[in-house]
C-alpha atoms as a PDB file:
ATOM      1  CA  MET A   1       0.000   0.000   0.000  1.00  0.00           C
ATOM      2  CA  TRP A   2       1.235   3.452  -0.881  1.00  0.00           C
ATOM      3  CA  PHE A   3       1.247   5.931   2.055  1.00  0.00           C
ATOM      4  CA  PHE A   4       1.079   9.697   1.724  1.00  0.00           C
ATOM      5  CA  LYS A   5       4.083  11.554   3.242  1.00  0.00           C
ATOM      6  CA  PRO A   6       3.546  15.187   4.421  1.00  0.00           C
ATOM      7  CA  ALA A   7       5.563  17.809   2.592  1.00  0.00           C
ATOM      8  CA  TRP A   8       7.411  18.830   5.755  1.00  0.00           C
ATOM      9  CA  GLN A   9       8.946  15.312   5.909  1.00  0.00           C
ATOM     10  CA  SER A  10      10.359  15.698   2.427  1.00  0.00           C
ATOM     11  CA  LYS A  11      14.096  15.517   1.856  1.00  0.00           C
ATOM     12  CA  ASN A  12      13.549  18.424  -0.476  1.00  0.00           C
ATOM     13  CA  PHE A  13      14.161  21.028   2.203  1.00  0.00           C
ATOM     14  CA  ASN A  14      12.902  23.964   0.145  1.00  0.00           C
ATOM     15  CA  LYS A  15       9.581  22.162  -0.218  1.00  0.00           C
ATOM     16  CA  ALA A  16       9.488  21.386   3.504  1.00  0.00           C
ATOM     17  CA  ARG A  17      10.230  25.017   4.432  1.00  0.00           C
ATOM     18  CA  LYS A  18       7.510  26.407   2.169  1.00  0.00           C
ATOM     19  CA  MET A  19       5.020  24.034   3.714  1.00  0.00           C
ATOM     20  CA  ALA A  20       6.023  25.137   7.253  1.00  0.00           C
ATOM     21  CA  GLU A  21       5.676  28.795   6.268  1.00  0.00           C
ATOM     22  CA  LYS A  22       2.096  28.214   5.037  1.00  0.00           C
ATOM     23  CA  GLU A  23       0.923  25.981   7.893  1.00  0.00           C
ATOM     24  CA  ALA A  24      -1.328  27.584  10.558  1.00  0.00           C
ATOM     25  CA  ASP A  25      -2.585  24.578  12.525  1.00  0.00           C
ATOM     26  CA  GLN A  26      -0.851  24.551  15.926  1.00  0.00           C
ATOM     27  CA  ALA A  27      -0.909  20.739  16.240  1.00  0.00           C
ATOM     28  CA  ILE A  28       0.758  20.274  12.863  1.00  0.00           C
ATOM     29  CA  LEU A  29       3.244  23.094  13.579  1.00  0.00           C
ATOM     30  CA  ALA A  30       4.174  21.336  16.830  1.00  0.00           C
ATOM     31  CA  GLU A  31       4.782  18.066  14.965  1.00  0.00           C
ATOM     32  CA  ILE A  32       6.903  19.860  12.361  1.00  0.00           C
ATOM     33  CA  ALA A  33       8.888  21.708  15.029  1.00  0.00           C
ATOM     34  CA  LEU A  34       9.630  18.446  16.836  1.00  0.00           C
ATOM     35  CA  LYS A  35      10.173  16.000  13.962  1.00  0.00           C
ATOM     36  CA  ALA A  36      11.138  17.728  10.688  1.00  0.00           C
ATOM     37  CA  LEU A  37      14.465  16.570   9.253  1.00  0.00           C
ATOM     38  CA  ASP A  38      15.618  20.092   8.342  1.00  0.00           C
ATOM     39  CA  ASP A  39      16.647  22.438  11.182  1.00  0.00           C
ATOM     40  CA  VAL A  40      15.437  25.543   9.299  1.00  0.00           C
ATOM     41  CA  THR A  41      12.035  23.918   8.785  1.00  0.00           C
ATOM     42  CA  ARG A  42      11.827  23.139  12.511  1.00  0.00           C
ATOM     43  CA  ALA A  43      12.800  26.749  13.331  1.00  0.00           C
ATOM     44  CA  ILE A  44      10.148  28.177  10.978  1.00  0.00           C
ATOM     45  CA  ALA A  45       7.477  26.065  12.616  1.00  0.00           C
ATOM     46  CA  ALA A  46       8.707  26.826  16.141  1.00  0.00           C
ATOM     47  CA  GLU A  47       8.523  30.572  15.565  1.00  0.00           C
ATOM     48  CA  LYS A  48       4.788  30.215  14.858  1.00  0.00           C
ATOM     49  CA  LEU A  49       3.982  28.067  17.896  1.00  0.00           C
ATOM     50  CA  THR A  50       2.024  29.399  20.872  1.00  0.00           C
ATOM     51  CA  ASP A  51       1.941  26.301  23.083  1.00  0.00           C
ATOM     52  CA  GLN A  52       4.487  27.066  25.802  1.00  0.00           C
ATOM     53  CA  SER A  53       4.918  23.424  26.870  1.00  0.00           C
ATOM     54  CA  VAL A  54       5.947  22.435  23.342  1.00  0.00           C
ATOM     55  CA  LEU A  55       8.261  25.430  23.080  1.00  0.00           C
ATOM     56  CA  VAL A  56       9.951  24.501  26.378  1.00  0.00           C
ATOM     57  CA  ASP A  57      10.451  20.916  25.150  1.00  0.00           C
ATOM     58  CA  ILE A  58      12.080  22.110  21.928  1.00  0.00           C
ATOM     59  CA  ALA A  59      14.174  24.776  23.675  1.00  0.00           C
ATOM     60  CA  LYS A  60      15.650  22.178  26.026  1.00  0.00           C
ATOM     61  CA  ASN A  61      16.061  19.256  23.642  1.00  0.00           C
ATOM     62  CA  ASP A  62      16.494  20.268  20.000  1.00  0.00           C
ATOM     63  CA  VAL A  63      19.963  19.394  18.733  1.00  0.00           C
ATOM     64  CA  ASP A  64      20.334  22.527  16.622  1.00  0.00           C
ATOM     65  CA  LYS A  65      21.268  25.817  18.325  1.00  0.00           C
ATOM     66  CA  LEU A  66      19.429  27.927  15.733  1.00  0.00           C
ATOM     67  CA  VAL A  67      16.177  26.105  16.475  1.00  0.00           C
ATOM     68  CA  ARG A  68      16.670  26.462  20.237  1.00  0.00           C
ATOM     69  CA  GLN A  69      17.489  30.135  19.807  1.00  0.00           C
ATOM     70  CA  ALA A  70      14.354  30.734  17.715  1.00  0.00           C
ATOM     71  CA  VAL A  71      12.200  28.939  20.269  1.00  0.00           C
ATOM     72  CA  VAL A  72      13.643  30.846  23.238  1.00  0.00           C
ATOM     73  CA  LYS A  73      12.464  34.098  21.651  1.00  0.00           C
ATOM     74  CA  ARG A  74       8.897  32.741  21.902  1.00  0.00           C
ATOM     75  CA  LEU A  75       9.164  31.565  25.511  1.00  0.00           C
ATOM     76  CA  ALA A  76       7.470  33.397  28.358  1.00  0.00           C
ATOM     77  CA  ASP A  77       8.025  30.824  31.113  1.00  0.00           C
ATOM     78  CA  GLN A  78      10.624  32.430  33.444  1.00  0.00           C
ATOM     79  CA  THR A  79      11.565  29.098  35.047  1.00  0.00           C
ATOM     80  CA  ALA A  80      12.304  27.559  31.648  1.00  0.00           C
ATOM     81  CA  LEU A  81      14.189  30.658  30.523  1.00  0.00           C
ATOM     82  CA  ALA A  82      16.293  30.552  33.693  1.00  0.00           C
ATOM     83  CA  TYR A  83      17.126  26.880  33.096  1.00  0.00           C
ATOM     84  CA  ILE A  84      18.188  27.541  29.503  1.00  0.00           C
ATOM     85  CA  ALA A  85      20.112  30.698  30.415  1.00  0.00           C
ATOM     86  CA  LYS A  86      22.153  28.718  32.955  1.00  0.00           C
ATOM     87  CA  ASN A  87      22.517  25.373  31.179  1.00  0.00           C
ATOM     88  CA  ASP A  88      22.464  25.639  27.386  1.00  0.00           C
ATOM     89  CA  SER A  89      25.811  24.783  25.824  1.00  0.00           C
ATOM     90  CA  GLU A  90      25.649  27.602  23.251  1.00  0.00           C
ATOM     91  CA  SER A  91      26.269  31.218  24.278  1.00  0.00           C
ATOM     92  CA  THR A  92      23.900  32.519  21.576  1.00  0.00           C
ATOM     93  CA  VAL A  93      21.026  30.512  23.060  1.00  0.00           C
ATOM     94  CA  ARG A  94      21.910  31.608  26.602  1.00  0.00           C
ATOM     95  CA  THR A  95      22.018  35.203  25.357  1.00  0.00           C
ATOM     96  CA  ALA A  96      18.522  34.889  23.884  1.00  0.00           C
ATOM     97  CA  ALA A  97      17.263  33.532  27.221  1.00  0.00           C
ATOM     98  CA  VAL A  98      18.982  36.240  29.301  1.00  0.00           C
ATOM     99  CA  ASN A  99      17.355  38.886  27.084  1.00  0.00           C
ATOM    100  CA  LYS A 100      13.930  37.667  28.286  1.00  0.00           C
ATOM    101  CA  LEU A 101      14.762  37.050  31.947  1.00  0.00           C
ATOM    102  CA  THR A 102      13.343  39.308  34.633  1.00  0.00           C
ATOM    103  CA  ASP A 103      14.305  37.463  37.837  1.00  0.00           C
ATOM    104  CA  GLN A 104      17.021  39.631  39.374  1.00  0.00           C
ATOM    105  CA  HIS A 105      18.709  36.918  41.449  1.00  0.00           C
ATOM    106  CA  THR A 106      18.946  34.592  38.442  1.00  0.00           C
ATOM    107  CA  LEU A 107      20.472  37.401  36.393  1.00  0.00           C
ATOM    108  CA  ALA A 108      22.952  38.101  39.201  1.00  0.00           C
ATOM    109  CA  GLY A 109      24.070  34.468  39.219  1.00  0.00           C
ATOM    110  CA  ILE A 110      24.571  34.459  35.458  1.00  0.00           C
ATOM    111  CA  ALA A 111      26.358  37.817  35.644  1.00  0.00           C
ATOM    112  CA  SER A 112      28.999  36.327  37.912  1.00  0.00           C
ATOM    113  CA  LYS A 113      29.206  32.693  36.758  1.00  0.00           C
ATOM    114  CA  ASP A 114      28.576  32.387  33.017  1.00  0.00           C
ATOM    115  CA  LYS A 115      31.687  31.271  31.144  1.00  0.00           C
ATOM    116  CA  ASP A 116      31.116  33.760  28.319  1.00  0.00           C
ATOM    117  CA  LYS A 117      31.994  37.400  29.032  1.00  0.00           C
ATOM    118  CA  ASP A 118      29.376  38.787  26.646  1.00  0.00           C
ATOM    119  CA  VAL A 119      26.637  36.825  28.416  1.00  0.00           C
ATOM    120  CA  ARG A 120      27.862  38.110  31.805  1.00  0.00           C
ATOM    121  CA  ILE A 121      27.851  41.694  30.525  1.00  0.00           C
ATOM    122  CA  LEU A 122      24.315  41.313  29.137  1.00  0.00           C
ATOM    123  CA  ALA A 123      23.076  39.838  32.427  1.00  0.00           C
ATOM    124  CA  ARG A 124      24.542  42.760  34.378  1.00  0.00           C
ATOM    125  CA  ALA A 125      22.878  45.208  31.986  1.00  0.00           C
ATOM    126  CA  MET A 126      19.504  43.521  32.595  1.00  0.00           C
ATOM    127  CA  ILE A 127      19.712  43.985  36.374  1.00  0.00           C
ATOM    128  CA  THR A 128      17.621  46.842  37.745  1.00  0.00           C
ATOM    129  CA  ASP A 129      17.641  46.060  41.484  1.00  0.00           C
ATOM    130  CA  PRO A 130      20.104  48.589  42.998  1.00  0.00           C
ATOM    131  CA  VAL A 131      21.089  46.337  45.916  1.00  0.00           C
ATOM    132  CA  ILE A 132      21.954  43.416  43.635  1.00  0.00           C
ATOM    133  CA  LEU A 133      23.696  45.757  41.209  1.00  0.00           C
ATOM    134  CA  ALA A 134      25.752  47.256  44.047  1.00  0.00           C
ATOM    135  CA  GLY A 135      26.834  43.782  45.135  1.00  0.00           C
ATOM    136  CA  ILE A 136      28.223  43.172  41.656  1.00  0.00           C
ATOM    137  CA  LEU A 137      29.814  46.619  41.371  1.00  0.00           C
ATOM    138  CA  THR A 138      31.588  46.258  44.723  1.00  0.00           C
ATOM    139  CA  THR A 139      33.731  43.412  43.382  1.00  0.00           C
ATOM    140  CA  ILE A 140      33.926  44.201  39.671  1.00  0.00           C
ATOM    141  CA  VAL A 141      37.439  44.817  38.297  1.00  0.00           C
ATOM    142  CA  THR A 142      37.971  47.242  35.411  1.00  0.00           C
ATOM    143  CA  VAL A 143      40.930  46.079  33.331  1.00  0.00           C
ATOM    144  CA  THR A 144      39.978  47.127  29.799  1.00  0.00           C
ATOM    145  CA  ASP A 145      38.239  50.211  28.411  1.00  0.00           C
ATOM    146  CA  ARG A 146      35.172  48.045  27.851  1.00  0.00           C
ATOM    147  CA  ASP A 147      35.180  47.097  31.542  1.00  0.00           C
ATOM    148  CA  MET A 148      35.509  50.746  32.500  1.00  0.00           C
ATOM    149  CA  TYR A 149      32.613  51.956  30.364  1.00  0.00           C
ATOM    150  CA  GLU A 150      30.399  49.118  31.577  1.00  0.00           C
ATOM    151  CA  ALA A 151      31.182  49.835  35.236  1.00  0.00           C
ATOM    152  CA  ILE A 152      30.469  53.546  34.822  1.00  0.00           C
ATOM    153  CA  SER A 153      27.214  52.835  32.966  1.00  0.00           C
ATOM    154  CA  LEU A 154      25.992  50.400  35.628  1.00  0.00           C
ATOM    155  CA  THR A 155      26.877  52.769  38.475  1.00  0.00           C
ATOM    156  CA  LYS A 156      24.939  55.584  36.822  1.00  0.00           C
ATOM    157  CA  LYS A 157      21.789  53.439  37.063  1.00  0.00           C
ATOM    158  CA  ILE A 158      21.862  53.721  40.860  1.00  0.00           C
ATOM    159  CA  ASP A 159      20.283  56.717  42.606  1.00  0.00           C
ATOM    160  CA  ASP A 160      20.062  55.502  46.208  1.00  0.00           C
ATOM    161  CA  GLN A 161      22.412  57.741  48.207  1.00  0.00           C
ATOM    162  CA  TYR A 162      23.303  55.135  50.847  1.00  0.00           C
ATOM    163  CA  ILE A 163      24.197  52.558  48.202  1.00  0.00           C
ATOM    164  CA  LEU A 164      26.265  55.128  46.302  1.00  0.00           C
ATOM    165  CA  ALA A 165      28.133  56.019  49.493  1.00  0.00           C
ATOM    166  CA  GLU A 166      28.968  52.360  50.144  1.00  0.00           C
ATOM    167  CA  LEU A 167      30.221  51.950  46.578  1.00  0.00           C
ATOM    168  CA  ALA A 168      32.347  55.088  46.879  1.00  0.00           C
ATOM    169  CA  LYS A 169      33.938  53.673  50.031  1.00  0.00           C
ATOM    170  CA  LYS A 170      34.349  50.002  49.171  1.00  0.00           C
ATOM    171  CA  ALA A 171      34.277  49.264  45.423  1.00  0.00           C
ATOM    172  CA  ARG A 172      37.428  47.663  44.015  1.00  0.00           C
ATOM    173  CA  SER A 173      37.229  49.681  40.801  1.00  0.00           C
ATOM    174  CA  LEU A 174      38.244  53.345  41.042  1.00  0.00           C
ATOM    175  CA  HIS A 175      35.893  54.064  38.125  1.00  0.00           C
ATOM    176  CA  VAL A 176      32.970  52.781  40.184  1.00  0.00           C
ATOM    177  CA  CYS A 177      34.144  54.753  43.243  1.00  0.00           C
ATOM    178  CA  ASN A 178      34.451  58.008  41.321  1.00  0.00           C
ATOM    179  CA  THR A 179      31.137  57.630  39.492  1.00  0.00           C
ATOM    180  CA  ALA A 180      29.344  56.866  42.757  1.00  0.00           C
ATOM    181  CA  ALA A 181      31.041  59.800  44.502  1.00  0.00           C
ATOM    182  CA  ASP A 182      29.999  62.170  41.713  1.00  0.00           C
ATOM    183  CA  LYS A 183      26.362  61.211  42.291  1.00  0.00           C
ATOM    184  CA  LEU A 184      26.457  61.839  46.035  1.00  0.00           C
ATOM    185  CA  THR A 185      24.458  64.866  47.182  1.00  0.00           C
ATOM    186  CA  ASP A 186      23.765  64.029  50.845  1.00  0.00           C
ATOM    187  CA  THR A 187      26.290  66.034  52.905  1.00  0.00           C
ATOM    188  CA  ARG A 188      26.415  63.474  55.731  1.00  0.00           C
ATOM    189  CA  LEU A 189      27.245  60.694  53.312  1.00  0.00           C
ATOM    190  CA  ILE A 190      29.834  62.822  51.531  1.00  0.00           C
ATOM    191  CA  ILE A 191      31.536  63.400  54.896  1.00  0.00           C
ATOM    192  CA  ASP A 192      31.364  59.692  55.718  1.00  0.00           C
ATOM    193  CA  ALA A 193      32.937  58.747  52.380  1.00  0.00           C
ATOM    194  CA  ALA A 194      35.563  61.500  52.675  1.00  0.00           C
ATOM    195  CA  GLU A 195      36.620  60.055  56.025  1.00  0.00           C
ATOM    196  CA  ASN A 196      36.317  56.334  55.273  1.00  0.00           C
ATOM    197  CA  ALA A 197      36.784  55.620  51.552  1.00  0.00           C
ATOM    198  CA  ALA A 198      39.518  53.059  50.944  1.00  0.00           C
ATOM    199  CA  GLU A 199      41.045  54.980  48.016  1.00  0.00           C
ATOM    200  CA  TRP A 200      43.051  58.075  49.044  1.00  0.00           C
ATOM    201  CA  THR A 201      42.426  59.902  45.755  1.00  0.00           C
ATOM    202  CA  LEU A 202      38.692  59.605  46.364  1.00  0.00           C
ATOM    203  CA  ARG A 203      39.052  60.962  49.906  1.00  0.00           C
ATOM    204  CA  ILE A 204      40.810  64.003  48.435  1.00  0.00           C
ATOM    205  CA  LYS A 205      38.107  64.428  45.805  1.00  0.00           C
ATOM    206  CA  LEU A 206      35.331  64.370  48.397  1.00  0.00           C
ATOM    207  CA  ALA A 207      37.215  66.510  50.925  1.00  0.00           C
ATOM    208  CA  LYS A 208      37.472  69.264  48.320  1.00  0.00           C
ATOM    209  CA  ARG A 209      33.658  69.438  48.335  1.00  0.00           C
ATOM    210  CA  LEU A 210      33.504  70.006  52.096  1.00  0.00           C
ATOM    211  CA  THR A 211      33.285  73.392  53.828  1.00  0.00           C
ATOM    212  CA  ASP A 212      32.638  72.384  57.448  1.00  0.00           C
ATOM    213  CA  GLN A 213      35.831  73.434  59.253  1.00  0.00           C
ATOM    214  CA  ALA A 214      35.313  70.967  62.122  1.00  0.00           C
ATOM    215  CA  VAL A 215      35.085  68.057  59.681  1.00  0.00           C
ATOM    216  CA  LEU A 216      38.129  69.285  57.757  1.00  0.00           C
ATOM    217  CA  VAL A 217      40.101  69.579  60.998  1.00  0.00           C
ATOM    218  CA  SER A 218      39.155  65.997  61.890  1.00  0.00           C
ATOM    219  CA  ILE A 219      40.368  64.735  58.504  1.00  0.00           C
ATOM    220  CA  ALA A 220      43.577  66.804  58.745  1.00  0.00           C
ATOM    221  CA  LYS A 221      44.257  65.246  62.146  1.00  0.00           C
ATOM    222  CA  ASN A 222      43.381  61.652  61.431  1.00  0.00           C
ATOM    223  CA  ASP A 223      43.647  60.685  57.771  1.00  0.00           C
ATOM    224  CA  ALA A 224      46.303  58.025  57.248  1.00  0.00           C
ATOM    225  CA  ASP A 225      47.565  59.510  53.975  1.00  0.00           C
ATOM    226  CA  LYS A 226      49.836  62.558  53.981  1.00  0.00           C
ATOM    227  CA  ARG A 227      48.503  63.669  50.581  1.00  0.00           C
ATOM    228  CA  VAL A 228      44.950  63.823  51.916  1.00  0.00           C
ATOM    229  CA  ARG A 229      46.025  65.737  55.023  1.00  0.00           C
ATOM    230  CA  LYS A 230      47.979  68.247  52.935  1.00  0.00           C
ATOM    231  CA  THR A 231      44.988  68.884  50.648  1.00  0.00           C
ATOM    232  CA  VAL A 232      42.667  69.444  53.596  1.00  0.00           C
ATOM    233  CA  LEU A 233      45.117  71.784  55.349  1.00  0.00           C
ATOM    234  CA  GLU A 234      44.949  74.072  52.316  1.00  0.00           C
ATOM    235  CA  LYS A 235      41.207  74.454  52.947  1.00  0.00           C
ATOM    236  CA  LEU A 236      41.537  75.336  56.617  1.00  0.00           C
ATOM    237  CA  ALA A 237      41.159  79.000  57.561  1.00  0.00           C
ATOM    238  CA  GLY A 238      43.516  80.564  60.119  1.00  0.00           C
ATOM    239  CA  GLN A 239      46.786  79.800  61.881  1.00  0.00           C
ATOM    240  CA  PRO A 240      45.123  78.986  65.255  1.00  0.00           C
ATOM    241  CA  VAL A 241      43.316  76.056  63.643  1.00  0.00           C
ATOM    242  CA  LEU A 242      46.638  74.737  62.357  1.00  0.00           C
ATOM    243  CA  ALA A 243      48.132  75.162  65.828  1.00  0.00           C
ATOM    244  CA  GLU A 244      45.318  73.057  67.294  1.00  0.00           C
ATOM    245  CA  ILE A 245      46.215  70.230  64.894  1.00  0.00           C
ATOM    246  CA  VAL A 246      49.924  70.539  65.737  1.00  0.00           C
ATOM    247  CA  MET A 247      49.291  70.295  69.472  1.00  0.00           C
ATOM    248  CA  CYS A 248      47.001  67.259  69.257  1.00  0.00           C
ATOM    249  CA  GLY A 249      49.945  64.963  68.505  1.00  0.00           C
ATOM    250  CA  CYS A 250      48.075  63.270  65.659  1.00  0.00           C
ATOM    251  CA  ALA A 251      49.055  62.075  62.169  1.00  0.00           C
ATOM    252  CA  GLY A 252      48.515  65.565  60.737  1.00  0.00           C
ATOM    253  CA  SER A 253      50.599  67.463  63.301  1.00  0.00           C
ATOM    254  CA  GLU A 254      53.765  67.668  61.212  1.00  0.00           C
ATOM    255  CA  ASP A 255      51.846  68.681  58.065  1.00  0.00           C
ATOM    256  CA  ALA A 256      50.029  71.449  59.958  1.00  0.00           C
ATOM    257  CA  LEU A 257      53.287  72.694  61.470  1.00  0.00           C
ATOM    258  CA  ALA A 258      54.808  73.055  58.014  1.00  0.00           C
ATOM    259  CA  SER A 259      51.969  75.462  57.142  1.00  0.00           C
ATOM    260  CA  LEU A 260      52.445  77.686  60.219  1.00  0.00           C
ATOM    261  CA  SER A 261      54.194  81.042  59.885  1.00  0.00           C
ATOM    262  CA  ASP A 262      52.908  83.087  62.840  1.00  0.00           C
ATOM    263  CA  ARG A 263      55.918  83.516  65.217  1.00  0.00           C
ATOM    264  CA  ASP A 264      53.774  84.002  68.327  1.00  0.00           C
ATOM    265  CA  ILE A 265      51.904  80.769  67.650  1.00  0.00           C
ATOM    266  CA  LEU A 266      55.173  78.941  66.978  1.00  0.00           C
ATOM    267  CA  GLU A 267      56.598  80.277  70.272  1.00  0.00           C
ATOM    268  CA  ASP A 268      53.477  79.076  72.067  1.00  0.00           C
ATOM    269  CA  ILE A 269      53.885  75.594  70.568  1.00  0.00           C
ATOM    270  CA  ILE A 270      57.563  75.488  71.584  1.00  0.00           C
ATOM    271  CA  SER A 271      56.703  76.419  75.164  1.00  0.00           C
ATOM    272  CA  LYS A 272      53.816  73.983  75.540  1.00  0.00           C
ATOM    273  CA  THR A 273      54.590  70.856  73.513  1.00  0.00           C
ATOM    274  CA  GLN A 274      56.144  67.799  75.144  1.00  0.00           C
ATOM    275  CA  ASP A 275      57.059  66.369  71.744  1.00  0.00           C
ATOM    276  CA  LYS A 276      60.770  67.008  71.166  1.00  0.00           C
ATOM    277  CA  TYR A 277      60.425  66.479  67.422  1.00  0.00           C
ATOM    278  CA  ILE A 278      57.567  69.009  67.120  1.00  0.00           C
ATOM    279  CA  LYS A 279      59.496  71.495  69.291  1.00  0.00           C
ATOM    280  CA  ASP A 280      62.594  71.241  67.108  1.00  0.00           C
ATOM    281  CA  ARG A 281      60.559  71.536  63.908  1.00  0.00           C
ATOM    282  CA  ALA A 282      58.800  74.623  65.293  1.00  0.00           C
ATOM    283  CA  LEU A 283      62.174  76.144  66.086  1.00  0.00           C
ATOM    284  CA  ARG A 284      63.342  75.314  62.576  1.00  0.00           C
ATOM    285  CA  GLN A 285      60.200  76.933  61.246  1.00  0.00           C
ATOM    286  CA  MET A 286      61.288  80.146  62.996  1.00  0.00           C
ATOM    287  CA  GLY A 287      64.869  79.838  61.746  1.00  0.00           C
ATOM    288  CA  GLY A 288      66.379  78.259  64.874  1.00  0.00           C
ATOM    289  CA  PHE A 289      66.998  74.733  66.217  1.00  0.00           C
ATOM    290  CA  THR A 290      67.570  72.604  69.304  1.00  0.00           C
ATOM    291  CA  CYS A 291      71.193  71.528  69.543  1.00  0.00           C
ATOM    292  CA  LEU A 292      71.584  67.765  69.361  1.00  0.00           C
ATOM    293  CA  SER A 293      74.767  67.972  71.405  1.00  0.00           C
ATOM    294  CA  CYS A 294      73.961  70.226  74.373  1.00  0.00           C
ATOM    295  CA  GLY A 295      70.158  70.294  74.048  1.00  0.00           C
ATOM    296  CA  ARG A 296      69.874  74.084  74.238  1.00  0.00           C
ATOM    297  CA  GLU A 297      67.525  76.104  72.071  1.00  0.00           C
ATOM    298  CA  ASN A 298      69.133  78.315  69.445  1.00  0.00           C
ATOM    299  CA  ARG A 299      66.726  81.125  68.567  1.00  0.00           C
ATOM    300  CA  PRO A 300      67.116  83.509  65.661  1.00  0.00           C
ATOM    301  CA  ASP A 301      67.895  87.158  66.415  1.00  0.00           C
ATOM    302  CA  ASN A 302      65.546  89.725  64.845  1.00  0.00           C
ATOM    303  CA  GLY A 303      64.167  87.137  62.447  1.00  0.00           C
ATOM    304  CA  ARG A 304      67.657  86.211  61.160  1.00  0.00           C
ATOM    305  CA  LYS A 305      67.851  82.531  60.260  1.00  0.00           C
ATOM    306  CA  LEU A 306      70.624  80.686  62.123  1.00  0.00           C
ATOM    307  CA  LEU A 307      73.164  78.380  60.529  1.00  0.00           C
ATOM    308  CA  CYS A 308      73.258  74.842  61.908  1.00  0.00           C
ATOM    309  CA  VAL A 309      76.016  75.594  64.441  1.00  0.00           C
ATOM    310  CA  CYS A 310      75.116  75.862  68.121  1.00  0.00           C
ATOM    311  CA  VAL A 311      75.993  79.295  69.555  1.00  0.00           C
ATOM    312  CA  TYR A 312      76.575  77.685  72.964  1.00  0.00           C
ATOM    313  CA  CYS A 313      78.755  74.644  72.261  1.00  0.00           C
ATOM    314  CA  GLN A 314      79.677  75.190  68.593  1.00  0.00           C
ATOM    315  CA  ALA A 315      78.416  71.721  67.661  1.00  0.00           C
ATOM    316  CA  GLU A 316      77.183  71.259  64.108  1.00  0.00           C
ATOM    317  CA  ASN A 317      73.519  70.239  63.696  1.00  0.00           C
ATOM    318  CA  HIS A 318      73.270  69.567  59.975  1.00  0.00           C
ATOM    319  CA  ALA A 319      70.719  67.249  58.387  1.00  0.00           C
ATOM    320  CA  PHE A 320      72.449  66.056  55.225  1.00  0.00           C
ATOM    321  CA  LYS A 321      70.623  64.434  52.325  1.00  0.00           C
ATOM    322  CA  ARG A 322      72.132  63.019  49.148  1.00  0.00           C
ATOM    323  CA  ARG A 323      71.497  65.110  46.036  1.00  0.00           C
ATOM    324  CA  HIS A 324      71.956  64.121  42.375  1.00  0.00           C
ATOM    325  CA  GLU A 325      71.949  66.355  39.310  1.00  0.00           C
ATOM    326  CA  SER A 326      72.789  66.150  35.616  1.00  0.00           C
ATOM    327  CA  SER A 327      75.713  68.383  34.702  1.00  0.00           C
ATOM    328  CA  THR A 328      74.122  69.408  31.397  1.00  0.00           C
ATOM    329  CA  GLY A 329      70.445  69.255  32.232  1.00  0.00           C
ATOM    330  CA  ARG A 330      70.069  66.847  29.299  1.00  0.00           C
ATOM    331  CA  ASP A 331      72.807  64.228  29.424  1.00  0.00           C
ATOM    332  CA  TRP A 332      72.055  62.010  32.421  1.00  0.00           C
ATOM    333  CA  GLU A 333      75.185  59.897  31.850  1.00  0.00           C
ATOM    334  CA  HIS A 334      77.224  62.851  33.152  1.00  0.00           C
ATOM    335  CA  SER A 335      76.041  63.646  36.669  1.00  0.00           C
ATOM    336  CA  SER A 336      77.156  65.005  40.011  1.00  0.00           C
ATOM    337  CA  SER A 337      76.147  64.047  43.527  1.00  0.00           C
ATOM    338  CA  TRP A 338      76.745  65.554  46.948  1.00  0.00           C
ATOM    339  CA  ASP A 339      75.398  65.801  50.488  1.00  0.00           C
ATOM    340  CA  GLU A 340      73.381  68.937  51.261  1.00  0.00           C
ATOM    341  CA  CYS A 341      71.953  70.113  54.578  1.00  0.00           C
ATOM    342  CA  MET A 342      68.180  70.452  54.300  1.00  0.00           C
ATOM    343  CA  TRP A 343      68.263  73.429  56.684  1.00  0.00           C
ATOM    344  CA  CYS A 344      71.243  75.643  55.852  1.00  0.00           C
ATOM    345  CA  ALA A 345      72.168  74.238  52.412  1.00  0.00           C
ATOM    346  CA  GLN A 346      75.799  73.534  53.380  1.00  0.00           C
ATOM    347  CA  THR A 347      77.286  70.929  51.056  1.00  0.00           C
ATOM    348  CA  LYS A 348      80.010  68.267  51.250  1.00  0.00           C
ATOM    349  CA  ASN A 349      81.245  65.065  49.587  1.00  0.00           C
ATOM    350  CA  HIS A 350      80.946  66.261  45.977  1.00  0.00           C
ATOM    351  CA  GLU A 351      81.351  63.489  43.405  1.00  0.00           C
ATOM    352  CA  SER A 352      81.210  63.391  39.597  1.00  0.00           C
ATOM    353  CA  SER A 353      80.420  60.180  37.736  1.00  0.00           C
ATOM    354  CA  LEU A 354      79.988  58.772  34.253  1.00  0.00           C
ATOM    355  CA  THR A 355      77.308  56.102  34.211  1.00  0.00           C
ATOM    356  CA  GLY A 356      75.828  53.943  31.519  1.00  0.00           C
ATOM    357  CA  SER A 357      77.430  51.532  29.045  1.00  0.00           C
ATOM    358  CA  MET A 358      79.709  52.495  26.195  1.00  0.00           C
END
């Protein structure tokens, strides 16, 4: 007996495809999508299906990635999409599934674990929950320009001031820190980040936005980085404020002392401080010094700066540092070196050298 074979089963694939394009019956389309020999024919039929259970079956089991990809675009089942997004072997199919996912936690998992960078980037772009996004941005590392632009773009999606403050303080990427800091408008959170951000350049950036003298004094006293303290000192108004920082014996004392010029305040510091180093530096600031040999204070007369020789015991109190300089300003193979006192500029031990290979 001669049996009729449907056109979609034909080995003439053009014929099979035309038949699939014309078919409207969902039952027949399902059969074509599941059983047709030609992958393009199966994809054509799948794109016209509405039965979600059939679409899920094809999306999980069809051997051809193009068919699975076409079917995923028709899926609405979030559980099935999540399964495919996490488990399909082809990145193009996973990408199609991620594009339709809405579950934020699933997207976060894919954003951190998918083996394909493009899929991870897409998943991060699909995340809208600021808390989840912040968790990703805290650990993200920006190595390439693409990483940098992505990190900046993702950070700009966040408006919550508390989350932005935490990112400014703790994110591993400086691009994330800076973008978050730029979006901060809450003064309390700006102060918090200026005092506690891990990155010193960010603390400087935020400190420059502050005007509260009490907060600036606190940063000048306590910040661990000399560069931050120096920047903040430039914003402080008045020599008495600097004197307060000097006398507190904190990290910023030496930096504040270097900015003092008022002789009466310097005299007051010398008379009150128990810190021998601060006392000697204050004397140096006035043009005098404490003799290292006899311990007596050498004070300048009428503002005249003293040389580093004690007027009482004649002992020398130089602080020599090695200096190097090119003899021509251009040819660094020909150079000179010597010891120079950082206080009175007296020099010794001059040497000339020719370095480099012939």
